[in-house]
Amino acid sequence: MGIYRSSKFNITKSAIYSSFLFGALHSINLLSGPVTIVLQQMFSAIAIGTLFVVIRVITNGLFFPILIHFILDWGPLTTYSYDTGGSWVLTLTIFTIIFLVSTKTLSLVDQQLQHLQIEIEKVK
């Protein structure tokens, strides 16, 4: 924690690290599905992971990220098939936008927290 306290963009860095881990954990699906579809899923999981962090930070709780993850996992169980893969262009476009907006939001939160910490230290 000492390293993070002395650096900038703590939440953003943590979100990116945990999102890449979240995406990597989806590689387990390589055991049951085509590589292309699983790679798309891993890429989307990274973007959704950063969005989950934004929701976690905004709501200060895990209920909504867990609920959204449940809905995302449960919904396709009734209709999803591995027969066809989605378009890489569509996947990259949508999830890159989600990732960039989420990362920008987190960096703004980090900046606000840093300014708040500076103001608190001035008062001391």
N, C-alpha and C. Protein backbone atom coordinates (compact mmCIF):
# COMPACT_ATOMS: atom_id res chain seq x y z
N MET A 1 0.82 -1.20 0.00
CA MET A 1 0.00 0.00 0.00
C MET A 1 0.85 1.26 0.00
N GLY A 2 2.02 1.19 0.59
CA GLY A 2 2.89 2.35 0.62
C GLY A 2 3.26 2.82 -0.77
N ILE A 3 3.45 1.88 -1.68
CA ILE A 3 3.77 2.22 -3.06
C ILE A 3 2.63 3.00 -3.69
N TYR A 4 1.40 2.55 -3.45
CA TYR A 4 0.25 3.22 -4.04
C TYR A 4 0.00 4.59 -3.44
N ARG A 5 0.26 4.75 -2.17
CA ARG A 5 0.04 6.05 -1.54
C ARG A 5 0.96 7.11 -2.10
N SER A 6 2.12 6.71 -2.55
CA SER A 6 3.08 7.69 -3.05
C SER A 6 3.01 7.85 -4.57
N SER A 7 2.10 7.16 -5.21
CA SER A 7 2.00 7.28 -6.67
C SER A 7 0.67 7.89 -7.07
N LYS A 8 0.54 8.17 -8.35
CA LYS A 8 -0.68 8.77 -8.88
C LYS A 8 -1.53 7.69 -9.55
N PHE A 9 -2.80 7.97 -9.67
CA PHE A 9 -3.75 7.11 -10.37
C PHE A 9 -3.85 5.71 -9.76
N ASN A 10 -3.98 5.66 -8.45
CA ASN A 10 -4.04 4.39 -7.74
C ASN A 10 -5.23 3.55 -8.15
N ILE A 11 -6.41 4.15 -8.19
CA ILE A 11 -7.62 3.40 -8.54
C ILE A 11 -7.54 2.96 -9.99
N THR A 12 -7.08 3.83 -10.85
CA THR A 12 -6.99 3.50 -12.28
C THR A 12 -6.04 2.33 -12.51
N LYS A 13 -4.87 2.39 -11.90
CA LYS A 13 -3.90 1.29 -12.04
C LYS A 13 -4.48 -0.01 -11.51
N SER A 14 -5.07 0.04 -10.34
CA SER A 14 -5.66 -1.16 -9.75
C SER A 14 -6.76 -1.72 -10.63
N ALA A 15 -7.56 -0.84 -11.21
CA ALA A 15 -8.65 -1.28 -12.09
C ALA A 15 -8.10 -1.97 -13.33
N ILE A 16 -7.07 -1.41 -13.91
CA ILE A 16 -6.49 -2.02 -15.11
C ILE A 16 -5.88 -3.37 -14.79
N TYR A 17 -5.13 -3.44 -13.70
CA TYR A 17 -4.52 -4.73 -13.30
C TYR A 17 -5.59 -5.78 -13.05
N SER A 18 -6.60 -5.42 -12.26
CA SER A 18 -7.63 -6.40 -11.93
C SER A 18 -8.48 -6.76 -13.14
N SER A 19 -8.67 -5.82 -14.05
CA SER A 19 -9.44 -6.11 -15.27
C SER A 19 -8.70 -7.08 -16.19
N PHE A 20 -7.39 -6.92 -16.28
CA PHE A 20 -6.62 -7.88 -17.08
C PHE A 20 -6.64 -9.26 -16.43
N LEU A 21 -6.61 -9.29 -15.11
CA LEU A 21 -6.74 -10.57 -14.41
C LEU A 21 -8.13 -11.16 -14.65
N PHE A 22 -9.15 -10.33 -14.58
CA PHE A 22 -10.53 -10.75 -14.84
C PHE A 22 -10.64 -11.34 -16.25
N GLY A 23 -10.04 -10.69 -17.23
CA GLY A 23 -10.05 -11.21 -18.60
C GLY A 23 -9.29 -12.52 -18.71
N ALA A 24 -8.13 -12.59 -18.06
CA ALA A 24 -7.32 -13.81 -18.11
C ALA A 24 -8.04 -15.00 -17.48
N LEU A 25 -8.80 -14.73 -16.43
CA LEU A 25 -9.55 -15.82 -15.79
C LEU A 25 -10.60 -16.42 -16.72
N HIS A 26 -11.04 -15.65 -17.69
CA HIS A 26 -12.00 -16.16 -18.65
C HIS A 26 -11.36 -17.12 -19.67
N SER A 27 -10.04 -17.23 -19.62
CA SER A 27 -9.36 -18.16 -20.53
C SER A 27 -9.72 -19.62 -20.23
N ILE A 28 -10.29 -19.87 -19.07
CA ILE A 28 -10.74 -21.22 -18.74
C ILE A 28 -11.77 -21.71 -19.76
N ASN A 29 -12.44 -20.80 -20.41
CA ASN A 29 -13.45 -21.16 -21.40
C ASN A 29 -12.83 -21.76 -22.67
N LEU A 30 -11.50 -21.68 -22.78
CA LEU A 30 -10.83 -22.33 -23.92
C LEU A 30 -11.05 -23.83 -23.90
N LEU A 31 -11.38 -24.37 -22.73
CA LEU A 31 -11.63 -25.80 -22.62
C LEU A 31 -12.96 -26.20 -23.24
N SER A 32 -13.86 -25.24 -23.42
CA SER A 32 -15.19 -25.60 -23.90
C SER A 32 -15.66 -24.86 -25.14
N GLY A 33 -14.86 -23.95 -25.66
CA GLY A 33 -15.32 -23.17 -26.81
C GLY A 33 -14.21 -22.86 -27.79
N PRO A 34 -14.60 -22.40 -28.97
CA PRO A 34 -13.61 -22.03 -30.00
C PRO A 34 -12.72 -20.87 -29.53
N VAL A 35 -11.47 -20.91 -29.96
CA VAL A 35 -10.47 -19.93 -29.54
C VAL A 35 -10.90 -18.50 -29.88
N THR A 36 -11.40 -18.27 -31.07
CA THR A 36 -11.78 -16.91 -31.49
C THR A 36 -12.85 -16.34 -30.57
N ILE A 37 -13.85 -17.13 -30.27
CA ILE A 37 -14.93 -16.65 -29.42
C ILE A 37 -14.43 -16.38 -28.00
N VAL A 38 -13.57 -17.26 -27.49
CA VAL A 38 -13.04 -17.07 -26.14
C VAL A 38 -12.14 -15.85 -26.09
N LEU A 39 -11.35 -15.60 -27.13
CA LEU A 39 -10.51 -14.39 -27.15
C LEU A 39 -11.37 -13.13 -27.16
N GLN A 40 -12.48 -13.16 -27.90
CA GLN A 40 -13.40 -12.03 -27.88
C GLN A 40 -13.99 -11.85 -26.48
N GLN A 41 -14.33 -12.97 -25.85
CA GLN A 41 -14.87 -12.91 -24.51
C GLN A 41 -13.84 -12.35 -23.52
N MET A 42 -12.59 -12.76 -23.66
CA MET A 42 -11.54 -12.26 -22.78
C MET A 42 -11.35 -10.76 -22.97
N PHE A 43 -11.35 -10.29 -24.21
CA PHE A 43 -11.21 -8.87 -24.49
C PHE A 43 -12.38 -8.09 -23.89
N SER A 44 -13.58 -8.60 -24.09
CA SER A 44 -14.75 -7.91 -23.55
C SER A 44 -14.73 -7.95 -22.02
N ALA A 45 -14.24 -9.02 -21.42
CA ALA A 45 -14.17 -9.12 -19.95
C ALA A 45 -13.22 -8.07 -19.38
N ILE A 46 -12.16 -7.76 -20.09
CA ILE A 46 -11.24 -6.71 -19.63
C ILE A 46 -11.97 -5.37 -19.59
N ALA A 47 -12.69 -5.06 -20.65
CA ALA A 47 -13.44 -3.79 -20.70
C ALA A 47 -14.54 -3.75 -19.66
N ILE A 48 -15.29 -4.83 -19.55
CA ILE A 48 -16.38 -4.89 -18.58
C ILE A 48 -15.81 -4.84 -17.16
N GLY A 49 -14.64 -5.43 -16.96
CA GLY A 49 -14.00 -5.38 -15.64
C GLY A 49 -13.72 -3.95 -15.20
N THR A 50 -13.25 -3.12 -16.13
CA THR A 50 -13.02 -1.71 -15.76
C THR A 50 -14.34 -1.00 -15.47
N LEU A 51 -15.37 -1.36 -16.23
CA LEU A 51 -16.70 -0.79 -15.97
C LEU A 51 -17.21 -1.21 -14.59
N PHE A 52 -16.96 -2.46 -14.22
CA PHE A 52 -17.35 -2.93 -12.89
C PHE A 52 -16.65 -2.12 -11.79
N VAL A 53 -15.39 -1.76 -12.02
CA VAL A 53 -14.68 -0.95 -11.03
C VAL A 53 -15.31 0.44 -10.93
N VAL A 54 -15.68 1.02 -12.06
CA VAL A 54 -16.35 2.32 -12.04
C VAL A 54 -17.64 2.24 -11.22
N ILE A 55 -18.42 1.20 -11.49
CA ILE A 55 -19.68 1.03 -10.76
C ILE A 55 -19.40 0.80 -9.27
N ARG A 56 -18.37 0.04 -8.97
CA ARG A 56 -17.99 -0.22 -7.58
C ARG A 56 -17.60 1.07 -6.87
N VAL A 57 -16.82 1.91 -7.53
CA VAL A 57 -16.37 3.16 -6.94
C VAL A 57 -17.54 4.12 -6.77
N ILE A 58 -18.39 4.22 -7.77
CA ILE A 58 -19.51 5.15 -7.71
C ILE A 58 -20.52 4.75 -6.64
N THR A 59 -20.82 3.46 -6.55
CA THR A 59 -21.83 3.00 -5.59
C THR A 59 -21.25 2.65 -4.24
N ASN A 60 -19.93 2.55 -4.15
CA ASN A 60 -19.24 2.16 -2.92
C ASN A 60 -19.75 0.82 -2.39
N GLY A 61 -19.99 -0.09 -3.33
CA GLY A 61 -20.46 -1.41 -2.94
C GLY A 61 -20.26 -2.40 -4.07
N LEU A 62 -20.45 -3.67 -3.75
CA LEU A 62 -20.28 -4.72 -4.75
C LEU A 62 -21.59 -5.26 -5.30
N PHE A 63 -22.72 -4.84 -4.73
CA PHE A 63 -24.00 -5.39 -5.14
C PHE A 63 -24.25 -5.22 -6.64
N PHE A 64 -24.12 -4.02 -7.15
CA PHE A 64 -24.44 -3.77 -8.56
C PHE A 64 -23.46 -4.43 -9.53
N PRO A 65 -22.14 -4.38 -9.28
CA PRO A 65 -21.24 -5.13 -10.17
C PRO A 65 -21.54 -6.64 -10.18
N ILE A 66 -21.85 -7.20 -9.01
CA ILE A 66 -22.17 -8.63 -8.96
C ILE A 66 -23.48 -8.90 -9.68
N LEU A 67 -24.48 -8.05 -9.48
CA LEU A 67 -25.77 -8.21 -10.15
C LEU A 67 -25.61 -8.14 -11.67
N ILE A 68 -24.86 -7.17 -12.15
CA ILE A 68 -24.65 -7.04 -13.60
C ILE A 68 -23.89 -8.24 -14.14
N HIS A 69 -22.89 -8.70 -13.41
CA HIS A 69 -22.14 -9.89 -13.86
C HIS A 69 -23.06 -11.10 -13.92
N PHE A 70 -23.94 -11.25 -12.94
CA PHE A 70 -24.89 -12.35 -12.94
C PHE A 70 -25.81 -12.28 -14.16
N ILE A 71 -26.31 -11.10 -14.44
CA ILE A 71 -27.21 -10.93 -15.59
C ILE A 71 -26.48 -11.22 -16.89
N LEU A 72 -25.24 -10.74 -17.01
CA LEU A 72 -24.47 -11.00 -18.23
C LEU A 72 -24.18 -12.49 -18.42
N ASP A 73 -23.96 -13.21 -17.31
CA ASP A 73 -23.69 -14.64 -17.40
C ASP A 73 -24.97 -15.46 -17.56
N TRP A 74 -26.03 -15.05 -16.91
CA TRP A 74 -27.26 -15.82 -16.89
C TRP A 74 -28.06 -15.66 -18.19
N GLY A 75 -28.14 -14.45 -18.70
CA GLY A 75 -28.93 -14.19 -19.90
C GLY A 75 -28.57 -15.07 -21.09
N PRO A 76 -27.29 -15.14 -21.46
CA PRO A 76 -26.93 -15.95 -22.63
C PRO A 76 -27.12 -17.46 -22.44
N LEU A 77 -27.26 -17.92 -21.22
CA LEU A 77 -27.41 -19.35 -21.00
C LEU A 77 -28.64 -19.91 -21.71
N THR A 78 -29.64 -19.08 -21.90
CA THR A 78 -30.86 -19.56 -22.54
C THR A 78 -30.83 -19.44 -24.06
N THR A 79 -29.96 -18.57 -24.61
CA THR A 79 -29.99 -18.35 -26.05
C THR A 79 -28.64 -18.46 -26.75
N TYR A 80 -27.54 -18.46 -26.01
CA TYR A 80 -26.21 -18.36 -26.61
C TYR A 80 -25.74 -19.70 -27.16
N SER A 81 -25.05 -19.63 -28.29
CA SER A 81 -24.49 -20.83 -28.90
C SER A 81 -23.09 -20.51 -29.38
N TYR A 82 -22.19 -21.49 -29.34
CA TYR A 82 -20.83 -21.29 -29.83
C TYR A 82 -20.73 -21.51 -31.33
N ASP A 83 -21.84 -21.66 -32.01
CA ASP A 83 -21.81 -21.94 -33.44
C ASP A 83 -21.25 -20.78 -34.26
N THR A 84 -21.52 -19.56 -33.84
CA THR A 84 -21.06 -18.41 -34.61
C THR A 84 -20.34 -17.43 -33.69
N GLY A 85 -19.31 -16.83 -34.22
CA GLY A 85 -18.58 -15.82 -33.46
C GLY A 85 -19.05 -14.45 -33.87
N GLY A 86 -18.89 -13.49 -32.99
CA GLY A 86 -19.25 -12.13 -33.32
C GLY A 86 -18.16 -11.47 -34.16
N SER A 87 -18.47 -10.33 -34.67
CA SER A 87 -17.53 -9.58 -35.48
C SER A 87 -16.44 -8.98 -34.59
N TRP A 88 -15.17 -9.16 -35.00
CA TRP A 88 -14.07 -8.57 -34.25
C TRP A 88 -14.14 -7.05 -34.29
N VAL A 89 -14.57 -6.49 -35.41
CA VAL A 89 -14.65 -5.04 -35.53
C VAL A 89 -15.66 -4.50 -34.52
N LEU A 90 -16.81 -5.14 -34.45
CA LEU A 90 -17.84 -4.71 -33.51
C LEU A 90 -17.37 -4.89 -32.07
N THR A 91 -16.76 -6.04 -31.78
CA THR A 91 -16.25 -6.31 -30.44
C THR A 91 -15.20 -5.28 -30.03
N LEU A 92 -14.23 -5.05 -30.90
CA LEU A 92 -13.17 -4.08 -30.59
C LEU A 92 -13.73 -2.67 -30.42
N THR A 93 -14.66 -2.29 -31.27
CA THR A 93 -15.22 -0.95 -31.21
C THR A 93 -15.97 -0.72 -29.90
N ILE A 94 -16.92 -1.59 -29.62
CA ILE A 94 -17.76 -1.40 -28.44
C ILE A 94 -16.94 -1.48 -27.16
N PHE A 95 -16.11 -2.52 -27.03
CA PHE A 95 -15.42 -2.72 -25.77
C PHE A 95 -14.21 -1.82 -25.59
N THR A 96 -13.64 -1.32 -26.68
CA THR A 96 -12.59 -0.31 -26.55
C THR A 96 -13.19 0.98 -26.02
N ILE A 97 -14.36 1.35 -26.50
CA ILE A 97 -15.03 2.55 -26.01
C ILE A 97 -15.36 2.40 -24.52
N ILE A 98 -15.90 1.25 -24.14
CA ILE A 98 -16.21 1.01 -22.72
C ILE A 98 -14.95 1.11 -21.88
N PHE A 99 -13.86 0.48 -22.34
CA PHE A 99 -12.60 0.51 -21.61
C PHE A 99 -12.06 1.93 -21.47
N LEU A 100 -12.06 2.68 -22.56
CA LEU A 100 -11.51 4.04 -22.53
C LEU A 100 -12.34 4.98 -21.66
N VAL A 101 -13.67 4.90 -21.77
CA VAL A 101 -14.53 5.75 -20.95
C VAL A 101 -14.39 5.39 -19.47
N SER A 102 -14.34 4.11 -19.18
CA SER A 102 -14.17 3.67 -17.79
C SER A 102 -12.84 4.12 -17.23
N THR A 103 -11.78 3.96 -18.01
CA THR A 103 -10.44 4.36 -17.57
C THR A 103 -10.37 5.87 -17.36
N LYS A 104 -10.97 6.63 -18.24
CA LYS A 104 -10.99 8.09 -18.10
C LYS A 104 -11.76 8.50 -16.85
N THR A 105 -12.89 7.85 -16.61
CA THR A 105 -13.68 8.14 -15.42
C THR A 105 -12.87 7.86 -14.16
N LEU A 106 -12.18 6.73 -14.13
CA LEU A 106 -11.37 6.38 -12.96
C LEU A 106 -10.20 7.34 -12.78
N SER A 107 -9.61 7.79 -13.88
CA SER A 107 -8.49 8.74 -13.76
C SER A 107 -8.99 10.08 -13.20
N LEU A 108 -10.21 10.48 -13.56
CA LEU A 108 -10.78 11.71 -13.01
C LEU A 108 -11.05 11.56 -11.51
N VAL A 109 -11.52 10.39 -11.11
CA VAL A 109 -11.73 10.12 -9.68
C VAL A 109 -10.39 10.18 -8.95
N ASP A 110 -9.37 9.56 -9.54
CA ASP A 110 -8.04 9.61 -8.93
C ASP A 110 -7.54 11.04 -8.78
N GLN A 111 -7.74 11.85 -9.79
CA GLN A 111 -7.30 13.25 -9.73
C GLN A 111 -8.04 14.00 -8.63
N GLN A 112 -9.34 13.76 -8.50
CA GLN A 112 -10.12 14.42 -7.45
C GLN A 112 -9.63 13.99 -6.07
N LEU A 113 -9.35 12.70 -5.92
CA LEU A 113 -8.84 12.21 -4.64
C LEU A 113 -7.48 12.79 -4.31
N GLN A 114 -6.64 12.94 -5.32
CA GLN A 114 -5.32 13.52 -5.10
C GLN A 114 -5.45 14.99 -4.67
N HIS A 115 -6.32 15.74 -5.33
CA HIS A 115 -6.53 17.14 -4.94
C HIS A 115 -7.10 17.22 -3.53
N LEU A 116 -8.00 16.32 -3.19
CA LEU A 116 -8.56 16.28 -1.85
C LEU A 116 -7.49 15.98 -0.81
N GLN A 117 -6.61 15.04 -1.12
CA GLN A 117 -5.52 14.70 -0.21
C GLN A 117 -4.58 15.88 -0.01
N ILE A 118 -4.30 16.62 -1.08
CA ILE A 118 -3.44 17.81 -0.98
C ILE A 118 -4.10 18.86 -0.10
N GLU A 119 -5.40 19.05 -0.26
CA GLU A 119 -6.12 20.04 0.57
C GLU A 119 -6.12 19.62 2.03
N ILE A 120 -6.27 18.34 2.30
CA ILE A 120 -6.25 17.84 3.68
C ILE A 120 -4.89 18.07 4.30
N GLU A 121 -3.83 17.82 3.52
CA GLU A 121 -2.46 18.01 4.04
C GLU A 121 -2.18 19.49 4.31
N LYS A 122 -2.78 20.38 3.52
CA LYS A 122 -2.60 21.81 3.75
C LYS A 122 -3.22 22.24 5.07
N VAL A 123 -4.36 21.62 5.41
CA VAL A 123 -5.06 21.96 6.63
C VAL A 123 -4.26 21.51 7.85
N LYS A 124 -3.58 20.39 7.74
CA LYS A 124 -2.79 19.86 8.85
C LYS A 124 -1.66 20.79 9.11
